[in-house]
PDB file of N, CA and C in Angstrom:
ATOM      1  N   MET A   1      -8.043  -8.233   2.968  1.00  0.00           N
ATOM      2  CA  MET A   1      -7.007  -7.344   3.441  1.00  0.00           C
ATOM      3  C   MET A   1      -7.259  -7.069   4.915  1.00  0.00           C
ATOM      4  N   TRP A   2      -6.221  -7.125   5.696  1.00  0.00           N
ATOM      5  CA  TRP A   2      -6.278  -6.735   7.098  1.00  0.00           C
ATOM      6  C   TRP A   2      -5.183  -5.710   7.296  1.00  0.00           C
ATOM      7  N   ALA A   3      -5.527  -4.562   7.803  1.00  0.00           N
ATOM      8  CA  ALA A   3      -4.515  -3.518   7.990  1.00  0.00           C
ATOM      9  C   ALA A   3      -4.933  -2.555   9.078  1.00  0.00           C
ATOM     10  N   LEU A   4      -3.940  -1.990   9.734  1.00  0.00           N
ATOM     11  CA  LEU A   4      -4.164  -0.861  10.629  1.00  0.00           C
ATOM     12  C   LEU A   4      -3.953   0.365   9.757  1.00  0.00           C
ATOM     13  N   SER A   5      -4.987   1.169   9.607  1.00  0.00           N
ATOM     14  CA  SER A   5      -4.950   2.264   8.642  1.00  0.00           C
ATOM     15  C   SER A   5      -5.349   3.582   9.268  1.00  0.00           C
ATOM     16  N   MET A   6      -4.837   4.631   8.678  1.00  0.00           N
ATOM     17  CA  MET A   6      -5.227   5.988   9.043  1.00  0.00           C
ATOM     18  C   MET A   6      -5.964   6.568   7.848  1.00  0.00           C
ATOM     19  N   TRP A   7      -7.137   7.078   8.096  1.00  0.00           N
ATOM     20  CA  TRP A   7      -7.967   7.621   7.031  1.00  0.00           C
ATOM     21  C   TRP A   7      -7.364   8.900   6.476  1.00  0.00           C
ATOM     22  N   ILE A   8      -7.236   9.005   5.175  1.00  0.00           N
ATOM     23  CA  ILE A   8      -6.730  10.223   4.549  1.00  0.00           C
ATOM     24  C   ILE A   8      -7.872  10.994   3.892  1.00  0.00           C
ATOM     25  N   GLU A   9      -8.584  10.324   3.011  1.00  0.00           N
ATOM     26  CA  GLU A   9      -9.676  10.969   2.283  1.00  0.00           C
ATOM     27  C   GLU A   9     -10.857  10.016   2.203  1.00  0.00           C
ATOM     28  N   ALA A  10     -12.042  10.570   2.238  1.00  0.00           N
ATOM     29  CA  ALA A  10     -13.248   9.760   2.095  1.00  0.00           C
ATOM     30  C   ALA A  10     -14.369  10.614   1.534  1.00  0.00           C
ATOM     31  N   ALA A  11     -14.984  10.106   0.488  1.00  0.00           N
ATOM     32  CA  ALA A  11     -16.146  10.796  -0.072  1.00  0.00           C
ATOM     33  C   ALA A  11     -17.384  10.386   0.713  1.00  0.00           C
ATOM     34  N   ASP A  12     -18.421  11.151   0.570  1.00  0.00           N
ATOM     35  CA  ASP A  12     -19.691  10.845   1.226  1.00  0.00           C
ATOM     36  C   ASP A  12     -20.292   9.587   0.590  1.00  0.00           C
ATOM     37  N   PRO A  13     -20.801   8.638   1.397  1.00  0.00           N
ATOM     38  CA  PRO A  13     -21.408   7.423   0.831  1.00  0.00           C
ATOM     39  C   PRO A  13     -22.873   7.613   0.425  1.00  0.00           C
ATOM     40  N   TRP A  14     -23.298   8.848   0.288  1.00  0.00           N
ATOM     41  CA  TRP A  14     -24.680   9.146  -0.083  1.00  0.00           C
ATOM     42  C   TRP A  14     -24.703  10.210  -1.167  1.00  0.00           C
ATOM     43  N   GLN A  15     -25.613  10.056  -2.091  1.00  0.00           N
ATOM     44  CA  GLN A  15     -25.801  11.047  -3.139  1.00  0.00           C
ATOM     45  C   GLN A  15     -27.156  11.711  -2.895  1.00  0.00           C
ATOM     46  N   ILE A  16     -27.163  13.030  -2.897  1.00  0.00           N
ATOM     47  CA  ILE A  16     -28.394  13.770  -2.662  1.00  0.00           C
ATOM     48  C   ILE A  16     -28.904  14.299  -3.997  1.00  0.00           C
ATOM     49  N   ALA A  17     -30.140  13.931  -4.308  1.00  0.00           N
ATOM     50  CA  ALA A  17     -30.795  14.414  -5.524  1.00  0.00           C
ATOM     51  C   ALA A  17     -32.183  14.905  -5.120  1.00  0.00           C
ATOM     52  N   GLY A  18     -32.316  16.208  -5.001  1.00  0.00           N
ATOM     53  CA  GLY A  18     -33.585  16.777  -4.543  1.00  0.00           C
ATOM     54  C   GLY A  18     -33.842  16.378  -3.101  1.00  0.00           C
ATOM     55  N   ASP A  19     -34.943  15.686  -2.866  1.00  0.00           N
ATOM     56  CA  ASP A  19     -35.283  15.216  -1.524  1.00  0.00           C
ATOM     57  C   ASP A  19     -34.837  13.774  -1.291  1.00  0.00           C
ATOM     58  N   ASN A  20     -34.197  13.167  -2.277  1.00  0.00           N
ATOM     59  CA  ASN A  20     -33.809  11.763  -2.177  1.00  0.00           C
ATOM     60  C   ASN A  20     -32.357  11.596  -1.760  1.00  0.00           C
ATOM     61  N   LEU A  21     -32.127  10.644  -0.896  1.00  0.00           N
ATOM     62  CA  LEU A  21     -30.788  10.270  -0.449  1.00  0.00           C
ATOM     63  C   LEU A  21     -30.536   8.857  -0.960  1.00  0.00           C
ATOM     64  N   THR A  22     -29.577   8.709  -1.871  1.00  0.00           N
ATOM     65  CA  THR A  22     -29.299   7.426  -2.488  1.00  0.00           C
ATOM     66  C   THR A  22     -27.937   6.909  -2.036  1.00  0.00           C
ATOM     67  N   PRO A  23     -27.866   5.624  -1.597  1.00  0.00           N
ATOM     68  CA  PRO A  23     -26.566   5.075  -1.202  1.00  0.00           C
ATOM     69  C   PRO A  23     -25.675   4.840  -2.421  1.00  0.00           C
ATOM     70  N   ILE A  24     -24.413   5.232  -2.303  1.00  0.00           N
ATOM     71  CA  ILE A  24     -23.412   4.991  -3.350  1.00  0.00           C
ATOM     72  C   ILE A  24     -22.142   4.477  -2.668  1.00  0.00           C
ATOM     73  N   PRO A  25     -21.249   3.794  -3.413  1.00  0.00           N
ATOM     74  CA  PRO A  25     -19.988   3.362  -2.792  1.00  0.00           C
ATOM     75  C   PRO A  25     -19.188   4.559  -2.290  1.00  0.00           C
ATOM     76  N   GLN A  26     -18.555   4.383  -1.132  1.00  0.00           N
ATOM     77  CA  GLN A  26     -17.729   5.445  -0.553  1.00  0.00           C
ATOM     78  C   GLN A  26     -16.316   5.320  -1.134  1.00  0.00           C
ATOM     79  N   VAL A  27     -15.870   6.341  -1.843  1.00  0.00           N
ATOM     80  CA  VAL A  27     -14.527   6.376  -2.418  1.00  0.00           C
ATOM     81  C   VAL A  27     -13.555   6.766  -1.309  1.00  0.00           C
ATOM     82  N   VAL A  28     -12.501   5.964  -1.127  1.00  0.00           N
ATOM     83  CA  VAL A  28     -11.604   6.172   0.005  1.00  0.00           C
ATOM     84  C   VAL A  28     -10.140   6.112  -0.407  1.00  0.00           C
ATOM     85  N   LYS A  29      -9.316   6.733   0.412  1.00  0.00           N
ATOM     86  CA  LYS A  29      -7.858   6.663   0.292  1.00  0.00           C
ATOM     87  C   LYS A  29      -7.317   6.529   1.708  1.00  0.00           C
ATOM     88  N   LEU A  30      -6.523   5.489   1.949  1.00  0.00           N
ATOM     89  CA  LEU A  30      -6.007   5.195   3.280  1.00  0.00           C
ATOM     90  C   LEU A  30      -4.496   5.213   3.303  1.00  0.00           C
ATOM     91  N   SER A  31      -3.953   5.579   4.437  1.00  0.00           N
ATOM     92  CA  SER A  31      -2.526   5.440   4.699  1.00  0.00           C
ATOM     93  C   SER A  31      -2.358   4.163   5.522  1.00  0.00           C
ATOM     94  N   VAL A  32      -1.520   3.246   5.046  1.00  0.00           N
ATOM     95  CA  VAL A  32      -1.297   1.991   5.758  1.00  0.00           C
ATOM     96  C   VAL A  32      -0.294   2.234   6.879  1.00  0.00           C
ATOM     97  N   VAL A  33      -0.722   2.042   8.106  1.00  0.00           N
ATOM     98  CA  VAL A  33       0.152   2.174   9.260  1.00  0.00           C
ATOM     99  C   VAL A  33       0.867   0.849   9.485  1.00  0.00           C
ATOM    100  N   GLU A  34       0.131  -0.245   9.344  1.00  0.00           N
ATOM    101  CA  GLU A  34       0.656  -1.581   9.567  1.00  0.00           C
ATOM    102  C   GLU A  34      -0.210  -2.562   8.776  1.00  0.00           C
ATOM    103  N   GLY A  35       0.391  -3.369   7.900  1.00  0.00           N
ATOM    104  CA  GLY A  35      -0.354  -4.350   7.130  1.00  0.00           C
ATOM    105  C   GLY A  35      -0.200  -5.735   7.726  1.00  0.00           C
ATOM    106  N   PHE A  36      -1.261  -6.507   7.731  1.00  0.00           N
ATOM    107  CA  PHE A  36      -1.212  -7.847   8.292  1.00  0.00           C
ATOM    108  C   PHE A  36      -1.432  -8.930   7.250  1.00  0.00           C
ATOM    109  N   LYS A  37      -2.371  -8.748   6.354  1.00  0.00           N
ATOM    110  CA  LYS A  37      -2.652  -9.740   5.327  1.00  0.00           C
ATOM    111  C   LYS A  37      -3.198  -9.024   4.102  1.00  0.00           C
ATOM    112  N   GLY A  38      -2.698  -9.380   2.935  1.00  0.00           N
ATOM    113  CA  GLY A  38      -3.205  -8.799   1.707  1.00  0.00           C
ATOM    114  C   GLY A  38      -2.650  -7.426   1.384  1.00  0.00           C
ATOM    115  N   VAL A  39      -1.667  -6.974   2.155  1.00  0.00           N
ATOM    116  CA  VAL A  39      -1.036  -5.675   1.929  1.00  0.00           C
ATOM    117  C   VAL A  39       0.469  -5.909   1.895  1.00  0.00           C
ATOM    118  N   SER A  40       1.124  -5.492   0.831  1.00  0.00           N
ATOM    119  CA  SER A  40       2.573  -5.698   0.748  1.00  0.00           C
ATOM    120  C   SER A  40       3.292  -4.751   1.708  1.00  0.00           C
ATOM    121  N   PRO A  41       4.463  -5.137   2.209  1.00  0.00           N
ATOM    122  CA  PRO A  41       5.203  -4.274   3.143  1.00  0.00           C
ATOM    123  C   PRO A  41       5.562  -2.910   2.554  1.00  0.00           C
ATOM    124  N   GLN A  42       5.677  -2.816   1.233  1.00  0.00           N
ATOM    125  CA  GLN A  42       6.035  -1.552   0.590  1.00  0.00           C
ATOM    126  C   GLN A  42       4.827  -0.640   0.370  1.00  0.00           C
ATOM    127  N   GLN A  43       3.637  -1.188   0.497  1.00  0.00           N
ATOM    128  CA  GLN A  43       2.424  -0.427   0.213  1.00  0.00           C
ATOM    129  C   GLN A  43       2.137   0.554   1.338  1.00  0.00           C
ATOM    130  N   ARG A  44       2.078   1.828   1.029  1.00  0.00           N
ATOM    131  CA  ARG A  44       1.853   2.874   2.025  1.00  0.00           C
ATOM    132  C   ARG A  44       0.480   3.524   1.908  1.00  0.00           C
ATOM    133  N   GLU A  45      -0.144   3.370   0.748  1.00  0.00           N
ATOM    134  CA  GLU A  45      -1.494   3.905   0.554  1.00  0.00           C
ATOM    135  C   GLU A  45      -2.350   2.874  -0.164  1.00  0.00           C
ATOM    136  N   ILE A  46      -3.632   2.915   0.142  1.00  0.00           N
ATOM    137  CA  ILE A  46      -4.604   2.040  -0.496  1.00  0.00           C
ATOM    138  C   ILE A  46      -5.779   2.906  -0.912  1.00  0.00           C
ATOM    139  N   SER A  47      -6.268   2.700  -2.115  1.00  0.00           N
ATOM    140  CA  SER A  47      -7.458   3.411  -2.585  1.00  0.00           C
ATOM    141  C   SER A  47      -8.490   2.395  -3.022  1.00  0.00           C
ATOM    142  N   GLY A  48      -9.742   2.721  -2.850  1.00  0.00           N
ATOM    143  CA  GLY A  48     -10.809   1.825  -3.273  1.00  0.00           C
ATOM    144  C   GLY A  48     -12.173   2.410  -2.987  1.00  0.00           C
ATOM    145  N   ASN A  49     -13.174   1.563  -3.122  1.00  0.00           N
ATOM    146  CA  ASN A  49     -14.560   1.941  -2.879  1.00  0.00           C
ATOM    147  C   ASN A  49     -15.153   0.969  -1.866  1.00  0.00           C
ATOM    148  N   ILE A  50     -15.823   1.479  -0.860  1.00  0.00           N
ATOM    149  CA  ILE A  50     -16.514   0.635   0.110  1.00  0.00           C
ATOM    150  C   ILE A  50     -17.970   0.561  -0.309  1.00  0.00           C
ATOM    151  N   SER A  51     -18.476  -0.675  -0.467  1.00  0.00           N
ATOM    152  CA  SER A  51     -19.871  -0.832  -0.874  1.00  0.00           C
ATOM    153  C   SER A  51     -20.784  -0.241   0.195  1.00  0.00           C
ATOM    154  N   ASN A  52     -21.934   0.184  -0.216  1.00  0.00           N
ATOM    155  CA  ASN A  52     -22.880   0.814   0.699  1.00  0.00           C
ATOM    156  C   ASN A  52     -24.127  -0.057   0.776  1.00  0.00           C
ATOM    157  N   ASN A  53     -24.212  -0.831   1.859  1.00  0.00           N
ATOM    158  CA  ASN A  53     -25.429  -1.586   2.139  1.00  0.00           C
ATOM    159  C   ASN A  53     -25.748  -1.425   3.618  1.00  0.00           C
ATOM    160  N   GLY A  54     -26.765  -2.065   4.090  1.00  0.00           N
ATOM    161  CA  GLY A  54     -27.213  -1.886   5.464  1.00  0.00           C
ATOM    162  C   GLY A  54     -26.189  -2.230   6.526  1.00  0.00           C
ATOM    163  N   ASP A  55     -25.204  -3.075   6.195  1.00  0.00           N
ATOM    164  CA  ASP A  55     -24.213  -3.506   7.176  1.00  0.00           C
ATOM    165  C   ASP A  55     -22.831  -2.907   6.945  1.00  0.00           C
ATOM    166  N   SER A  56     -22.670  -2.045   5.973  1.00  0.00           N
ATOM    167  CA  SER A  56     -21.357  -1.473   5.664  1.00  0.00           C
ATOM    168  C   SER A  56     -20.841  -0.630   6.821  1.00  0.00           C
ATOM    169  N   ILE A  57     -19.543  -0.675   7.018  1.00  0.00           N
ATOM    170  CA  ILE A  57     -18.892   0.127   8.044  1.00  0.00           C
ATOM    171  C   ILE A  57     -18.138   1.235   7.324  1.00  0.00           C
ATOM    172  N   PHE A  58     -18.527   2.472   7.578  1.00  0.00           N
ATOM    173  CA  PHE A  58     -17.874   3.609   6.955  1.00  0.00           C
ATOM    174  C   PHE A  58     -16.927   4.247   7.957  1.00  0.00           C
ATOM    175  N   LEU A  59     -15.821   4.741   7.453  1.00  0.00           N
ATOM    176  CA  LEU A  59     -14.783   5.293   8.297  1.00  0.00           C
ATOM    177  C   LEU A  59     -14.800   6.810   8.234  1.00  0.00           C
ATOM    178  N   LYS A  60     -14.248   7.442   9.261  1.00  0.00           N
ATOM    179  CA  LYS A  60     -14.232   8.903   9.348  1.00  0.00           C
ATOM    180  C   LYS A  60     -12.808   9.418   9.265  1.00  0.00           C
ATOM    181  N   ALA A  61     -12.649  10.562   8.656  1.00  0.00           N
ATOM    182  CA  ALA A  61     -11.326  11.167   8.455  1.00  0.00           C
ATOM    183  C   ALA A  61     -10.618  11.388   9.784  1.00  0.00           C
ATOM    184  N   GLY A  62      -9.303  11.141   9.782  1.00  0.00           N
ATOM    185  CA  GLY A  62      -8.474  11.417  10.940  1.00  0.00           C
ATOM    186  C   GLY A  62      -8.479  10.345  12.013  1.00  0.00           C
ATOM    187  N   LYS A  63      -9.213   9.271  11.830  1.00  0.00           N
ATOM    188  CA  LYS A  63      -9.292   8.190  12.816  1.00  0.00           C
ATOM    189  C   LYS A  63      -8.457   7.004  12.348  1.00  0.00           C
ATOM    190  N   ARG A  64      -7.963   6.216  13.312  1.00  0.00           N
ATOM    191  CA  ARG A  64      -7.254   4.978  12.993  1.00  0.00           C
ATOM    192  C   ARG A  64      -8.208   3.805  13.162  1.00  0.00           C
ATOM    193  N   TYR A  65      -8.146   2.890  12.195  1.00  0.00           N
ATOM    194  CA  TYR A  65      -9.038   1.742  12.193  1.00  0.00           C
ATOM    195  C   TYR A  65      -8.249   0.459  11.977  1.00  0.00           C
ATOM    196  N   LEU A  66      -8.740  -0.609  12.572  1.00  0.00           N
ATOM    197  CA  LEU A  66      -8.337  -1.942  12.170  1.00  0.00           C
ATOM    198  C   LEU A  66      -9.319  -2.280  11.065  1.00  0.00           C
ATOM    199  N   LEU A  67      -8.830  -2.372   9.849  1.00  0.00           N
ATOM    200  CA  LEU A  67      -9.683  -2.532   8.675  1.00  0.00           C
ATOM    201  C   LEU A  67      -9.641  -3.974   8.191  1.00  0.00           C
ATOM    202  N   TYR A  68     -10.797  -4.580   8.135  1.00  0.00           N
ATOM    203  CA  TYR A  68     -10.975  -5.876   7.498  1.00  0.00           C
ATOM    204  C   TYR A  68     -11.829  -5.605   6.270  1.00  0.00           C
ATOM    205  N   ALA A  69     -11.319  -5.877   5.108  1.00  0.00           N
ATOM    206  CA  ALA A  69     -12.101  -5.655   3.897  1.00  0.00           C
ATOM    207  C   ALA A  69     -11.733  -6.726   2.888  1.00  0.00           C
ATOM    208  N   HIS A  70     -12.678  -7.105   2.075  1.00  0.00           N
ATOM    209  CA  HIS A  70     -12.361  -8.016   0.982  1.00  0.00           C
ATOM    210  C   HIS A  70     -12.965  -7.469  -0.301  1.00  0.00           C
ATOM    211  N   GLN A  71     -12.311  -7.854  -1.388  1.00  0.00           N
ATOM    212  CA  GLN A  71     -12.692  -7.369  -2.707  1.00  0.00           C
ATOM    213  C   GLN A  71     -13.118  -8.590  -3.520  1.00  0.00           C
ATOM    214  N   PRO A  72     -14.414  -8.918  -3.512  1.00  0.00           N
ATOM    215  CA  PRO A  72     -14.859 -10.147  -4.157  1.00  0.00           C
ATOM    216  C   PRO A  72     -15.045 -10.052  -5.668  1.00  0.00           C
ATOM    217  N   ASN A  73     -14.873  -8.888  -6.253  1.00  0.00           N
ATOM    218  CA  ASN A  73     -15.097  -8.762  -7.691  1.00  0.00           C
ATOM    219  C   ASN A  73     -14.016  -7.915  -8.333  1.00  0.00           C
ATOM    220  N   ARG A  74     -13.998  -7.924  -9.633  1.00  0.00           N
ATOM    221  CA  ARG A  74     -12.962  -7.200 -10.381  1.00  0.00           C
ATOM    222  C   ARG A  74     -13.233  -5.709 -10.493  1.00  0.00           C
ATOM    223  N   PHE A  75     -14.353  -5.241  -9.958  1.00  0.00           N
ATOM    224  CA  PHE A  75     -14.709  -3.834 -10.053  1.00  0.00           C
ATOM    225  C   PHE A  75     -14.073  -2.979  -8.964  1.00  0.00           C
ATOM    226  N   GLY A  76     -13.384  -3.599  -8.023  1.00  0.00           N
ATOM    227  CA  GLY A  76     -12.653  -2.851  -7.011  1.00  0.00           C
ATOM    228  C   GLY A  76     -13.449  -2.409  -5.803  1.00  0.00           C
ATOM    229  N   THR A  77     -14.670  -2.906  -5.656  1.00  0.00           N
ATOM    230  CA  THR A  77     -15.482  -2.523  -4.506  1.00  0.00           C
ATOM    231  C   THR A  77     -15.161  -3.411  -3.323  1.00  0.00           C
ATOM    232  N   TRP A  78     -14.853  -2.799  -2.190  1.00  0.00           N
ATOM    233  CA  TRP A  78     -14.575  -3.540  -0.966  1.00  0.00           C
ATOM    234  C   TRP A  78     -15.870  -3.736  -0.196  1.00  0.00           C
ATOM    235  N   HIS A  79     -15.890  -4.801   0.573  1.00  0.00           N
ATOM    236  CA  HIS A  79     -17.017  -5.054   1.463  1.00  0.00           C
ATOM    237  C   HIS A  79     -16.496  -5.051   2.893  1.00  0.00           C
ATOM    238  N   THR A  80     -17.069  -4.222   3.732  1.00  0.00           N
ATOM    239  CA  THR A  80     -16.706  -4.195   5.153  1.00  0.00           C
ATOM    240  C   THR A  80     -17.849  -4.734   6.005  1.00  0.00           C
ATOM    241  N   SER A  81     -18.978  -5.013   5.385  1.00  0.00           N
ATOM    242  CA  SER A  81     -20.112  -5.521   6.152  1.00  0.00           C
ATOM    243  C   SER A  81     -19.763  -6.890   6.728  1.00  0.00           C
ATOM    244  N   CYS A  82     -20.336  -7.170   7.881  1.00  0.00           N
ATOM    245  CA  CYS A  82     -20.099  -8.436   8.598  1.00  0.00           C
ATOM    246  C   CYS A  82     -18.612  -8.659   8.862  1.00  0.00           C
ATOM    247  N   SER A  83     -17.878  -7.601   9.096  1.00  0.00           N
ATOM    248  CA  SER A  83     -16.445  -7.727   9.368  1.00  0.00           C
ATOM    249  C   SER A  83     -16.152  -7.202  10.766  1.00  0.00           C
ATOM    250  N   ARG A  84     -14.910  -7.323  11.162  1.00  0.00           N
ATOM    251  CA  ARG A  84     -14.492  -6.860  12.484  1.00  0.00           C
ATOM    252  C   ARG A  84     -13.871  -5.460  12.415  1.00  0.00           C
ATOM    253  N   THR A  85     -14.059  -4.755  11.333  1.00  0.00           N
ATOM    254  CA  THR A  85     -13.539  -3.389  11.193  1.00  0.00           C
ATOM    255  C   THR A  85     -14.061  -2.522  12.336  1.00  0.00           C
ATOM    256  N   ARG A  86     -13.130  -1.800  12.964  1.00  0.00           N
ATOM    257  CA  ARG A  86     -13.511  -0.897  14.053  1.00  0.00           C
ATOM    258  C   ARG A  86     -12.361   0.040  14.368  1.00  0.00           C
ATOM    259  N   LEU A  87     -12.626   1.005  15.246  1.00  0.00           N
ATOM    260  CA  LEU A  87     -11.586   1.933  15.660  1.00  0.00           C
ATOM    261  C   LEU A  87     -10.440   1.169  16.310  1.00  0.00           C
ATOM    262  N   ALA A  88      -9.215   1.578  16.004  1.00  0.00           N
ATOM    263  CA  ALA A  88      -8.035   0.879  16.523  1.00  0.00           C
ATOM    264  C   ALA A  88      -7.960   0.924  18.041  1.00  0.00           C
ATOM    265  N   ASP A  89      -8.409   2.012  18.655  1.00  0.00           N
ATOM    266  CA  ASP A  89      -8.328   2.091  20.117  1.00  0.00           C
ATOM    267  C   ASP A  89      -9.311   1.144  20.811  1.00  0.00           C
ATOM    268  N   ARG A  90     -10.196   0.516  20.045  1.00  0.00           N
ATOM    269  CA  ARG A  90     -11.106  -0.498  20.588  1.00  0.00           C
ATOM    270  C   ARG A  90     -10.691  -1.903  20.154  1.00  0.00           C
ATOM    271  N   ALA A  91      -9.494  -2.022  19.596  1.00  0.00           N
ATOM    272  CA  ALA A  91      -9.048  -3.307  19.057  1.00  0.00           C
ATOM    273  C   ALA A  91      -7.655  -3.688  19.541  1.00  0.00           C
ATOM    274  N   SER A  92      -7.236  -3.197  20.691  1.00  0.00           N
ATOM    275  CA  SER A  92      -5.854  -3.420  21.133  1.00  0.00           C
ATOM    276  C   SER A  92      -5.519  -4.896  21.319  1.00  0.00           C
ATOM    277  N   ALA A  93      -6.417  -5.689  21.886  1.00  0.00           N
ATOM    278  CA  ALA A  93      -6.141  -7.120  22.077  1.00  0.00           C
ATOM    279  C   ALA A  93      -6.014  -7.833  20.733  1.00  0.00           C
ATOM    280  N   GLU A  94      -6.891  -7.493  19.807  1.00  0.00           N
ATOM    281  CA  GLU A  94      -6.835  -8.124  18.488  1.00  0.00           C
ATOM    282  C   GLU A  94      -5.590  -7.691  17.711  1.00  0.00           C
ATOM    283  N   LEU A  95      -5.205  -6.437  17.835  1.00  0.00           N
ATOM    284  CA  LEU A  95      -3.978  -5.974  17.188  1.00  0.00           C
ATOM    285  C   LEU A  95      -2.761  -6.715  17.736  1.00  0.00           C
ATOM    286  N   SER A  96      -2.717  -6.942  19.042  1.00  0.00           N
ATOM    287  CA  SER A  96      -1.613  -7.705  19.643  1.00  0.00           C
ATOM    288  C   SER A  96      -1.575  -9.115  19.083  1.00  0.00           C
ATOM    289  N   GLN A  97      -2.736  -9.732  18.953  1.00  0.00           N
ATOM    290  CA  GLN A  97      -2.798 -11.084  18.409  1.00  0.00           C
ATOM    291  C   GLN A  97      -2.361 -11.110  16.942  1.00  0.00           C
ATOM    292  N   LEU A  98      -2.810 -10.151  16.141  1.00  0.00           N
ATOM    293  CA  LEU A  98      -2.399 -10.095  14.737  1.00  0.00           C
ATOM    294  C   LEU A  98      -0.893  -9.882  14.613  1.00  0.00           C
ATOM    295  N   ARG A  99      -0.343  -9.030  15.440  1.00  0.00           N
ATOM    296  CA  ARG A  99       1.108  -8.793  15.413  1.00  0.00           C
ATOM    297  C   ARG A  99       1.867 -10.064  15.782  1.00  0.00           C
ATOM    298  N   HIS A 100       1.369 -10.783  16.761  1.00  0.00           N
ATOM    299  CA  HIS A 100       2.004 -12.037  17.177  1.00  0.00           C
ATOM    300  C   HIS A 100       1.951 -13.070  16.042  1.00  0.00           C
ATOM    301  N   CYS A 101       0.812 -13.177  15.386  1.00  0.00           N
ATOM    302  CA  CYS A 101       0.650 -14.154  14.291  1.00  0.00           C
ATOM    303  C   CYS A 101       1.513 -13.834  13.084  1.00  0.00           C
ATOM    304  N   THR A 102       1.717 -12.574  12.798  1.00  0.00           N
ATOM    305  CA  THR A 102       2.513 -12.198  11.622  1.00  0.00           C
ATOM    306  C   THR A 102       4.014 -12.311  11.870  1.00  0.00           C
ATOM    307  N   LEU A 103       4.439 -12.452  13.127  1.00  0.00           N
ATOM    308  CA  LEU A 103       5.862 -12.620  13.436  1.00  0.00           C
ATOM    309  C   LEU A 103       6.343 -14.027  13.132  1.00  0.00           C
ATOM    310  N   LYS A 104       5.423 -14.978  13.068  1.00  0.00           N
ATOM    311  CA  LYS A 104       5.789 -16.398  12.862  1.00  0.00           C
ATOM    312  C   LYS A 104       6.201 -16.664  11.441  1.00  0.00           C
TER     313      LYS A 104
END
């Protein structure tokens, strides 16, 4: 999935148990601003879980992101690690290119 998204809700990707901090998938809900691949034109919200590993990219509420995520399994967990996911204001050239490619 490639989309320009606005973060709506996000759970903490860490579980605290006593003195231990354990990584858990981050439960998310996004508003689709613009979909490029893997998102239907009618789809306005996306919900899922972002896996939590050393390379995962977690998003913050109220920010716009160019989101690259893939769902390699039937459990619904997305992977953002090793992707180009980043804040939209740092992706203007790439957004222009994606918009140009989707017009064809």
